Amino acid sequence: MEATVTQGTLLLAMYGLGLDIPFLLAAIGFNWFIMSLKVLRRWARPIQGVAGILLVVIGILLVTGEFAAISASLADLGQWINLEL
């Protein structure tokens, strides 16, 4: 049993690293891209502020359970879209 738990833990750790590494590289690359453009450099702080506020709002919605209700309402809107080709 212990070998199975150890193996499972190792597999889960590798899975986690496999998810983390691409997102970390994307974040580093995006930050380098934003800071290298002079036009967007002055907008970087306001965009970060808005993104931070959005993260806090979504966190509050998740904690209160309202996020699920909003997601369900938005999913219902998808029935109005006709994607037949």
PDB file of N, CA and C in Angstrom:
ATOM      1  N   MET A   1       0.826  -1.199   0.000  1.00  0.00           N
ATOM      2  CA  MET A   1       0.000   0.000   0.000  1.00  0.00           C
ATOM      3  C   MET A   1       0.864   1.254   0.000  1.00  0.00           C
ATOM      4  N   GLU A   2       1.946   1.222   0.778  1.00  0.00           N
ATOM      5  CA  GLU A   2       2.794   2.408   0.889  1.00  0.00           C
ATOM      6  C   GLU A   2       3.452   2.755  -0.438  1.00  0.00           C
ATOM      7  N   ALA A   3       3.822   1.756  -1.219  1.00  0.00           N
ATOM      8  CA  ALA A   3       4.423   2.009  -2.529  1.00  0.00           C
ATOM      9  C   ALA A   3       3.424   2.705  -3.441  1.00  0.00           C
ATOM     10  N   THR A   4       2.150   2.340  -3.337  1.00  0.00           N
ATOM     11  CA  THR A   4       1.109   2.958  -4.165  1.00  0.00           C
ATOM     12  C   THR A   4       0.918   4.422  -3.783  1.00  0.00           C
ATOM     13  N   VAL A   5       0.925   4.706  -2.489  1.00  0.00           N
ATOM     14  CA  VAL A   5       0.772   6.084  -2.025  1.00  0.00           C
ATOM     15  C   VAL A   5       1.962   6.922  -2.458  1.00  0.00           C
ATOM     16  N   THR A   6       3.153   6.370  -2.322  1.00  0.00           N
ATOM     17  CA  THR A   6       4.365   7.084  -2.735  1.00  0.00           C
ATOM     18  C   THR A   6       4.354   7.335  -4.234  1.00  0.00           C
ATOM     19  N   GLN A   7       3.994   6.328  -4.988  1.00  0.00           N
ATOM     20  CA  GLN A   7       3.938   6.477  -6.444  1.00  0.00           C
ATOM     21  C   GLN A   7       2.874   7.495  -6.843  1.00  0.00           C
ATOM     22  N   GLY A   8       1.737   7.441  -6.177  1.00  0.00           N
ATOM     23  CA  GLY A   8       0.674   8.401  -6.473  1.00  0.00           C
ATOM     24  C   GLY A   8       1.087   9.826  -6.149  1.00  0.00           C
ATOM     25  N   THR A   9       1.779   9.991  -5.031  1.00  0.00           N
ATOM     26  CA  THR A   9       2.253  11.319  -4.646  1.00  0.00           C
ATOM     27  C   THR A   9       3.262  11.845  -5.660  1.00  0.00           C
ATOM     28  N   LEU A  10       4.156  10.976  -6.104  1.00  0.00           N
ATOM     29  CA  LEU A  10       5.146  11.377  -7.099  1.00  0.00           C
ATOM     30  C   LEU A  10       4.478  11.751  -8.421  1.00  0.00           C
ATOM     31  N   LEU A  11       3.514  10.952  -8.842  1.00  0.00           N
ATOM     32  CA  LEU A  11       2.797  11.266 -10.077  1.00  0.00           C
ATOM     33  C   LEU A  11       2.035  12.584  -9.970  1.00  0.00           C
ATOM     34  N   LEU A  12       1.414  12.820  -8.822  1.00  0.00           N
ATOM     35  CA  LEU A  12       0.688  14.078  -8.615  1.00  0.00           C
ATOM     36  C   LEU A  12       1.641  15.273  -8.615  1.00  0.00           C
ATOM     37  N   ALA A  13       2.818  15.107  -8.020  1.00  0.00           N
ATOM     38  CA  ALA A  13       3.814  16.187  -8.016  1.00  0.00           C
ATOM     39  C   ALA A  13       4.282  16.494  -9.435  1.00  0.00           C
ATOM     40  N   MET A  14       4.536  15.473 -10.218  1.00  0.00           N
ATOM     41  CA  MET A  14       4.959  15.676 -11.611  1.00  0.00           C
ATOM     42  C   MET A  14       3.847  16.338 -12.432  1.00  0.00           C
ATOM     43  N   TYR A  15       2.624  15.931 -12.188  1.00  0.00           N
ATOM     44  CA  TYR A  15       1.480  16.535 -12.873  1.00  0.00           C
ATOM     45  C   TYR A  15       1.394  18.026 -12.522  1.00  0.00           C
ATOM     46  N   GLY A  16       1.577  18.332 -11.236  1.00  0.00           N
ATOM     47  CA  GLY A  16       1.551  19.727 -10.798  1.00  0.00           C
ATOM     48  C   GLY A  16       2.656  20.547 -11.440  1.00  0.00           C
ATOM     49  N   LEU A  17       3.856  19.996 -11.508  1.00  0.00           N
ATOM     50  CA  LEU A  17       4.959  20.698 -12.172  1.00  0.00           C
ATOM     51  C   LEU A  17       4.669  20.891 -13.654  1.00  0.00           C
ATOM     52  N   GLY A  18       4.072  19.879 -14.253  1.00  0.00           N
ATOM     53  CA  GLY A  18       3.728  19.988 -15.668  1.00  0.00           C
ATOM     54  C   GLY A  18       2.723  21.088 -15.934  1.00  0.00           C
ATOM     55  N   LEU A  19       1.863  21.357 -14.977  1.00  0.00           N
ATOM     56  CA  LEU A  19       0.919  22.465 -15.127  1.00  0.00           C
ATOM     57  C   LEU A  19       1.560  23.804 -14.797  1.00  0.00           C
ATOM     58  N   ASP A  20       2.425  23.809 -13.795  1.00  0.00           N
ATOM     59  CA  ASP A  20       3.022  25.068 -13.328  1.00  0.00           C
ATOM     60  C   ASP A  20       4.015  25.664 -14.316  1.00  0.00           C
ATOM     61  N   ILE A  21       4.844  24.842 -14.888  1.00  0.00           N
ATOM     62  CA  ILE A  21       5.942  25.340 -15.717  1.00  0.00           C
ATOM     63  C   ILE A  21       5.448  26.151 -16.922  1.00  0.00           C
ATOM     64  N   PRO A  22       4.482  25.674 -17.709  1.00  0.00           N
ATOM     65  CA  PRO A  22       4.026  26.493 -18.844  1.00  0.00           C
ATOM     66  C   PRO A  22       3.412  27.822 -18.412  1.00  0.00           C
ATOM     67  N   PHE A  23       2.643  27.812 -17.315  1.00  0.00           N
ATOM     68  CA  PHE A  23       2.045  29.052 -16.844  1.00  0.00           C
ATOM     69  C   PHE A  23       3.105  30.016 -16.322  1.00  0.00           C
ATOM     70  N   LEU A  24       4.113  29.505 -15.646  1.00  0.00           N
ATOM     71  CA  LEU A  24       5.201  30.349 -15.153  1.00  0.00           C
ATOM     72  C   LEU A  24       5.967  30.970 -16.318  1.00  0.00           C
ATOM     73  N   LEU A  25       6.279  30.174 -17.322  1.00  0.00           N
ATOM     74  CA  LEU A  25       6.980  30.699 -18.497  1.00  0.00           C
ATOM     75  C   LEU A  25       6.133  31.730 -19.243  1.00  0.00           C
ATOM     76  N   ALA A  26       4.838  31.473 -19.342  1.00  0.00           N
ATOM     77  CA  ALA A  26       3.949  32.435 -20.002  1.00  0.00           C
ATOM     78  C   ALA A  26       3.901  33.748 -19.227  1.00  0.00           C
ATOM     79  N   ALA A  27       3.866  33.670 -17.900  1.00  0.00           N
ATOM     80  CA  ALA A  27       3.842  34.885 -17.086  1.00  0.00           C
ATOM     81  C   ALA A  27       5.135  35.679 -17.239  1.00  0.00           C
ATOM     82  N   ILE A  28       6.254  34.992 -17.237  1.00  0.00           N
ATOM     83  CA  ILE A  28       7.545  35.668 -17.408  1.00  0.00           C
ATOM     84  C   ILE A  28       7.626  36.284 -18.798  1.00  0.00           C
ATOM     85  N   GLY A  29       7.208  35.528 -19.809  1.00  0.00           N
ATOM     86  CA  GLY A  29       7.244  36.050 -21.176  1.00  0.00           C
ATOM     87  C   GLY A  29       6.311  37.223 -21.372  1.00  0.00           C
ATOM     88  N   PHE A  30       5.136  37.160 -20.777  1.00  0.00           N
ATOM     89  CA  PHE A  30       4.182  38.256 -20.909  1.00  0.00           C
ATOM     90  C   PHE A  30       4.701  39.507 -20.222  1.00  0.00           C
ATOM     91  N   ASN A  31       5.270  39.341 -19.040  1.00  0.00           N
ATOM     92  CA  ASN A  31       5.826  40.487 -18.323  1.00  0.00           C
ATOM     93  C   ASN A  31       6.955  41.124 -19.129  1.00  0.00           C
ATOM     94  N   TRP A  32       7.832  40.319 -19.720  1.00  0.00           N
ATOM     95  CA  TRP A  32       8.919  40.846 -20.553  1.00  0.00           C
ATOM     96  C   TRP A  32       8.346  41.574 -21.765  1.00  0.00           C
ATOM     97  N   PHE A  33       7.323  40.996 -22.394  1.00  0.00           N
ATOM     98  CA  PHE A  33       6.702  41.593 -23.573  1.00  0.00           C
ATOM     99  C   PHE A  33       6.086  42.946 -23.238  1.00  0.00           C
ATOM    100  N   ILE A  34       5.340  43.012 -22.158  1.00  0.00           N
ATOM    101  CA  ILE A  34       4.679  44.262 -21.761  1.00  0.00           C
ATOM    102  C   ILE A  34       5.713  45.339 -21.441  1.00  0.00           C
ATOM    103  N   MET A  35       6.734  44.986 -20.693  1.00  0.00           N
ATOM    104  CA  MET A  35       7.722  45.979 -20.282  1.00  0.00           C
ATOM    105  C   MET A  35       8.631  46.398 -21.432  1.00  0.00           C
ATOM    106  N   SER A  36       8.686  45.618 -22.490  1.00  0.00           N
ATOM    107  CA  SER A  36       9.549  45.985 -23.607  1.00  0.00           C
ATOM    108  C   SER A  36       8.867  46.937 -24.593  1.00  0.00           C
ATOM    109  N   LEU A  37       7.583  47.058 -24.500  1.00  0.00           N
ATOM    110  CA  LEU A  37       6.871  47.964 -25.404  1.00  0.00           C
ATOM    111  C   LEU A  37       6.644  49.309 -24.723  1.00  0.00           C
ATOM    112  N   LYS A  38       7.163  50.340 -25.315  1.00  0.00           N
ATOM    113  CA  LYS A  38       7.049  51.662 -24.715  1.00  0.00           C
ATOM    114  C   LYS A  38       5.602  52.156 -24.690  1.00  0.00           C
ATOM    115  N   VAL A  39       4.838  51.796 -25.699  1.00  0.00           N
ATOM    116  CA  VAL A  39       3.449  52.260 -25.769  1.00  0.00           C
ATOM    117  C   VAL A  39       2.621  51.667 -24.639  1.00  0.00           C
ATOM    118  N   LEU A  40       2.836  50.397 -24.350  1.00  0.00           N
ATOM    119  CA  LEU A  40       2.048  49.738 -23.316  1.00  0.00           C
ATOM    120  C   LEU A  40       2.610  49.921 -21.912  1.00  0.00           C
ATOM    121  N   ARG A  41       3.835  50.416 -21.826  1.00  0.00           N
ATOM    122  CA  ARG A  41       4.467  50.544 -20.515  1.00  0.00           C
ATOM    123  C   ARG A  41       3.681  51.459 -19.580  1.00  0.00           C
ATOM    124  N   ARG A  42       3.123  52.540 -20.108  1.00  0.00           N
ATOM    125  CA  ARG A  42       2.384  53.461 -19.236  1.00  0.00           C
ATOM    126  C   ARG A  42       1.036  52.888 -18.816  1.00  0.00           C
ATOM    127  N   TRP A  43       0.547  51.864 -19.544  1.00  0.00           N
ATOM    128  CA  TRP A  43      -0.728  51.246 -19.211  1.00  0.00           C
ATOM    129  C   TRP A  43      -0.564  50.002 -18.343  1.00  0.00           C
ATOM    130  N   ALA A  44       0.655  49.575 -18.072  1.00  0.00           N
ATOM    131  CA  ALA A  44       0.888  48.334 -17.334  1.00  0.00           C
ATOM    132  C   ALA A  44       0.313  48.402 -15.920  1.00  0.00           C
ATOM    133  N   ARG A  45       0.552  49.472 -15.206  1.00  0.00           N
ATOM    134  CA  ARG A  45       0.051  49.581 -13.830  1.00  0.00           C
ATOM    135  C   ARG A  45      -1.470  49.625 -13.771  1.00  0.00           C
ATOM    136  N   PRO A  46      -2.143  50.434 -14.599  1.00  0.00           N
ATOM    137  CA  PRO A  46      -3.610  50.412 -14.551  1.00  0.00           C
ATOM    138  C   PRO A  46      -4.194  49.038 -14.906  1.00  0.00           C
ATOM    139  N   ILE A  47      -3.588  48.352 -15.871  1.00  0.00           N
ATOM    140  CA  ILE A  47      -4.069  47.022 -16.245  1.00  0.00           C
ATOM    141  C   ILE A  47      -3.872  46.051 -15.076  1.00  0.00           C
ATOM    142  N   GLN A  48      -2.741  46.150 -14.404  1.00  0.00           N
ATOM    143  CA  GLN A  48      -2.501  45.294 -13.243  1.00  0.00           C
ATOM    144  C   GLN A  48      -3.503  45.590 -12.134  1.00  0.00           C
ATOM    145  N   GLY A  49      -3.820  46.856 -11.947  1.00  0.00           N
ATOM    146  CA  GLY A  49      -4.803  47.231 -10.922  1.00  0.00           C
ATOM    147  C   GLY A  49      -6.183  46.669 -11.227  1.00  0.00           C
ATOM    148  N   VAL A  50      -6.611  46.814 -12.478  1.00  0.00           N
ATOM    149  CA  VAL A  50      -7.908  46.278 -12.882  1.00  0.00           C
ATOM    150  C   VAL A  50      -7.923  44.759 -12.756  1.00  0.00           C
ATOM    151  N   ALA A  51      -6.849  44.102 -13.165  1.00  0.00           N
ATOM    152  CA  ALA A  51      -6.768  42.646 -13.062  1.00  0.00           C
ATOM    153  C   ALA A  51      -6.818  42.205 -11.598  1.00  0.00           C
ATOM    154  N   GLY A  52      -6.155  42.939 -10.718  1.00  0.00           N
ATOM    155  CA  GLY A  52      -6.184  42.616  -9.296  1.00  0.00           C
ATOM    156  C   GLY A  52      -7.576  42.758  -8.708  1.00  0.00           C
ATOM    157  N   ILE A  53      -8.252  43.842  -9.073  1.00  0.00           N
ATOM    158  CA  ILE A  53      -9.624  44.041  -8.594  1.00  0.00           C
ATOM    159  C   ILE A  53     -10.530  42.931  -9.108  1.00  0.00           C
ATOM    160  N   LEU A  54     -10.361  42.551 -10.374  1.00  0.00           N
ATOM    161  CA  LEU A  54     -11.155  41.475 -10.957  1.00  0.00           C
ATOM    162  C   LEU A  54     -10.914  40.157 -10.227  1.00  0.00           C
ATOM    163  N   LEU A  55      -9.663  39.874  -9.869  1.00  0.00           N
ATOM    164  CA  LEU A  55      -9.362  38.655  -9.118  1.00  0.00           C
ATOM    165  C   LEU A  55     -10.019  38.663  -7.742  1.00  0.00           C
ATOM    166  N   VAL A  56     -10.017  39.801  -7.080  1.00  0.00           N
ATOM    167  CA  VAL A  56     -10.656  39.900  -5.765  1.00  0.00           C
ATOM    168  C   VAL A  56     -12.162  39.703  -5.894  1.00  0.00           C
ATOM    169  N   VAL A  57     -12.776  40.320  -6.893  1.00  0.00           N
ATOM    170  CA  VAL A  57     -14.215  40.177  -7.095  1.00  0.00           C
ATOM    171  C   VAL A  57     -14.581  38.724  -7.386  1.00  0.00           C
ATOM    172  N   ILE A  58     -13.820  38.076  -8.257  1.00  0.00           N
ATOM    173  CA  ILE A  58     -14.096  36.674  -8.568  1.00  0.00           C
ATOM    174  C   ILE A  58     -13.885  35.802  -7.328  1.00  0.00           C
ATOM    175  N   GLY A  59     -12.879  36.099  -6.536  1.00  0.00           N
ATOM    176  CA  GLY A  59     -12.666  35.356  -5.292  1.00  0.00           C
ATOM    177  C   GLY A  59     -13.835  35.493  -4.338  1.00  0.00           C
ATOM    178  N   ILE A  60     -14.362  36.708  -4.203  1.00  0.00           N
ATOM    179  CA  ILE A  60     -15.527  36.927  -3.341  1.00  0.00           C
ATOM    180  C   ILE A  60     -16.732  36.165  -3.878  1.00  0.00           C
ATOM    181  N   LEU A  61     -16.919  36.190  -5.203  1.00  0.00           N
ATOM    182  CA  LEU A  61     -18.028  35.451  -5.802  1.00  0.00           C
ATOM    183  C   LEU A  61     -17.890  33.955  -5.564  1.00  0.00           C
ATOM    184  N   LEU A  62     -16.667  33.428  -5.635  1.00  0.00           N
ATOM    185  CA  LEU A  62     -16.447  32.005  -5.382  1.00  0.00           C
ATOM    186  C   LEU A  62     -16.749  31.648  -3.928  1.00  0.00           C
ATOM    187  N   VAL A  63     -16.308  32.490  -3.001  1.00  0.00           N
ATOM    188  CA  VAL A  63     -16.512  32.203  -1.578  1.00  0.00           C
ATOM    189  C   VAL A  63     -17.993  32.264  -1.215  1.00  0.00           C
ATOM    190  N   THR A  64     -18.712  33.213  -1.776  1.00  0.00           N
ATOM    191  CA  THR A  64     -20.136  33.355  -1.448  1.00  0.00           C
ATOM    192  C   THR A  64     -21.022  32.398  -2.232  1.00  0.00           C
ATOM    193  N   GLY A  65     -20.479  31.734  -3.246  1.00  0.00           N
ATOM    194  CA  GLY A  65     -21.266  30.797  -4.035  1.00  0.00           C
ATOM    195  C   GLY A  65     -22.018  31.432  -5.190  1.00  0.00           C
ATOM    196  N   GLU A  66     -21.854  32.710  -5.386  1.00  0.00           N
ATOM    197  CA  GLU A  66     -22.560  33.408  -6.465  1.00  0.00           C
ATOM    198  C   GLU A  66     -21.948  33.136  -7.832  1.00  0.00           C
ATOM    199  N   PHE A  67     -20.689  32.716  -7.851  1.00  0.00           N
ATOM    200  CA  PHE A  67     -20.025  32.456  -9.128  1.00  0.00           C
ATOM    201  C   PHE A  67     -20.721  31.337  -9.889  1.00  0.00           C
ATOM    202  N   ALA A  68     -21.179  30.315  -9.167  1.00  0.00           N
ATOM    203  CA  ALA A  68     -21.879  29.195  -9.801  1.00  0.00           C
ATOM    204  C   ALA A  68     -23.188  29.669 -10.417  1.00  0.00           C
ATOM    205  N   ALA A  69     -23.898  30.563  -9.730  1.00  0.00           N
ATOM    206  CA  ALA A  69     -25.162  31.071 -10.256  1.00  0.00           C
ATOM    207  C   ALA A  69     -24.924  31.903 -11.517  1.00  0.00           C
ATOM    208  N   ILE A  70     -23.887  32.709 -11.505  1.00  0.00           N
ATOM    209  CA  ILE A  70     -23.569  33.519 -12.683  1.00  0.00           C
ATOM    210  C   ILE A  70     -23.154  32.622 -13.839  1.00  0.00           C
ATOM    211  N   SER A  71     -22.350  31.588 -13.543  1.00  0.00           N
ATOM    212  CA  SER A  71     -21.930  30.651 -14.588  1.00  0.00           C
ATOM    213  C   SER A  71     -23.134  29.939 -15.195  1.00  0.00           C
ATOM    214  N   ALA A  72     -24.078  29.546 -14.365  1.00  0.00           N
ATOM    215  CA  ALA A  72     -25.276  28.868 -14.869  1.00  0.00           C
ATOM    216  C   ALA A  72     -26.097  29.808 -15.750  1.00  0.00           C
ATOM    217  N   SER A  73     -26.203  31.067 -15.351  1.00  0.00           N
ATOM    218  CA  SER A  73     -26.950  32.040 -16.154  1.00  0.00           C
ATOM    219  C   SER A  73     -26.276  32.259 -17.504  1.00  0.00           C
ATOM    220  N   LEU A  74     -24.959  32.350 -17.492  1.00  0.00           N
ATOM    221  CA  LEU A  74     -24.238  32.535 -18.755  1.00  0.00           C
ATOM    222  C   LEU A  74     -24.327  31.293 -19.635  1.00  0.00           C
ATOM    223  N   ALA A  75     -24.362  30.113 -19.016  1.00  0.00           N
ATOM    224  CA  ALA A  75     -24.511  28.885 -19.788  1.00  0.00           C
ATOM    225  C   ALA A  75     -25.875  28.836 -20.466  1.00  0.00           C
ATOM    226  N   ASP A  76     -26.899  29.357 -19.797  1.00  0.00           N
ATOM    227  CA  ASP A  76     -28.233  29.414 -20.396  1.00  0.00           C
ATOM    228  C   ASP A  76     -28.261  30.330 -21.614  1.00  0.00           C
ATOM    229  N   LEU A  77     -27.449  31.365 -21.613  1.00  0.00           N
ATOM    230  CA  LEU A  77     -27.388  32.269 -22.766  1.00  0.00           C
ATOM    231  C   LEU A  77     -26.842  31.562 -24.000  1.00  0.00           C
ATOM    232  N   GLY A  78     -26.042  30.531 -23.790  1.00  0.00           N
ATOM    233  CA  GLY A  78     -25.466  29.796 -24.905  1.00  0.00           C
ATOM    234  C   GLY A  78     -26.496  29.084 -25.751  1.00  0.00           C
ATOM    235  N   GLN A  79     -27.672  28.859 -25.204  1.00  0.00           N
ATOM    236  CA  GLN A  79     -28.725  28.207 -25.978  1.00  0.00           C
ATOM    237  C   GLN A  79     -29.281  29.121 -27.060  1.00  0.00           C
ATOM    238  N   TRP A  80     -29.080  30.386 -26.934  1.00  0.00           N
ATOM    239  CA  TRP A  80     -29.585  31.354 -27.922  1.00  0.00           C
ATOM    240  C   TRP A  80     -28.691  31.403 -29.161  1.00  0.00           C
ATOM    241  N   ILE A  81     -27.474  30.887 -29.036  1.00  0.00           N
ATOM    242  CA  ILE A  81     -26.517  30.966 -30.143  1.00  0.00           C
ATOM    243  C   ILE A  81     -26.684  29.744 -31.031  1.00  0.00           C
ATOM    244  N   ASN A  82     -26.875  29.954 -32.306  1.00  0.00           N
ATOM    245  CA  ASN A  82     -27.030  28.871 -33.252  1.00  0.00           C
ATOM    246  C   ASN A  82     -25.718  28.708 -34.012  1.00  0.00           C
ATOM    247  N   LEU A  83     -25.054  27.587 -33.791  1.00  0.00           N
ATOM    248  CA  LEU A  83     -23.751  27.357 -34.421  1.00  0.00           C
ATOM    249  C   LEU A  83     -23.827  26.310 -35.525  1.00  0.00           C
ATOM    250  N   GLU A  84     -24.987  26.054 -36.061  1.00  0.00           N
ATOM    251  CA  GLU A  84     -25.103  25.084 -37.136  1.00  0.00           C
ATOM    252  C   GLU A  84     -24.416  25.616 -38.372  1.00  0.00           C
ATOM    253  N   LEU A  85     -23.594  24.774 -38.973  1.00  0.00           N
ATOM    254  CA  LEU A  85     -22.845  25.196 -40.166  1.00  0.00           C
ATOM    255  C   LEU A  85     -23.457  24.627 -41.413  1.00  0.00           C
TER     256      LEU A  85
END
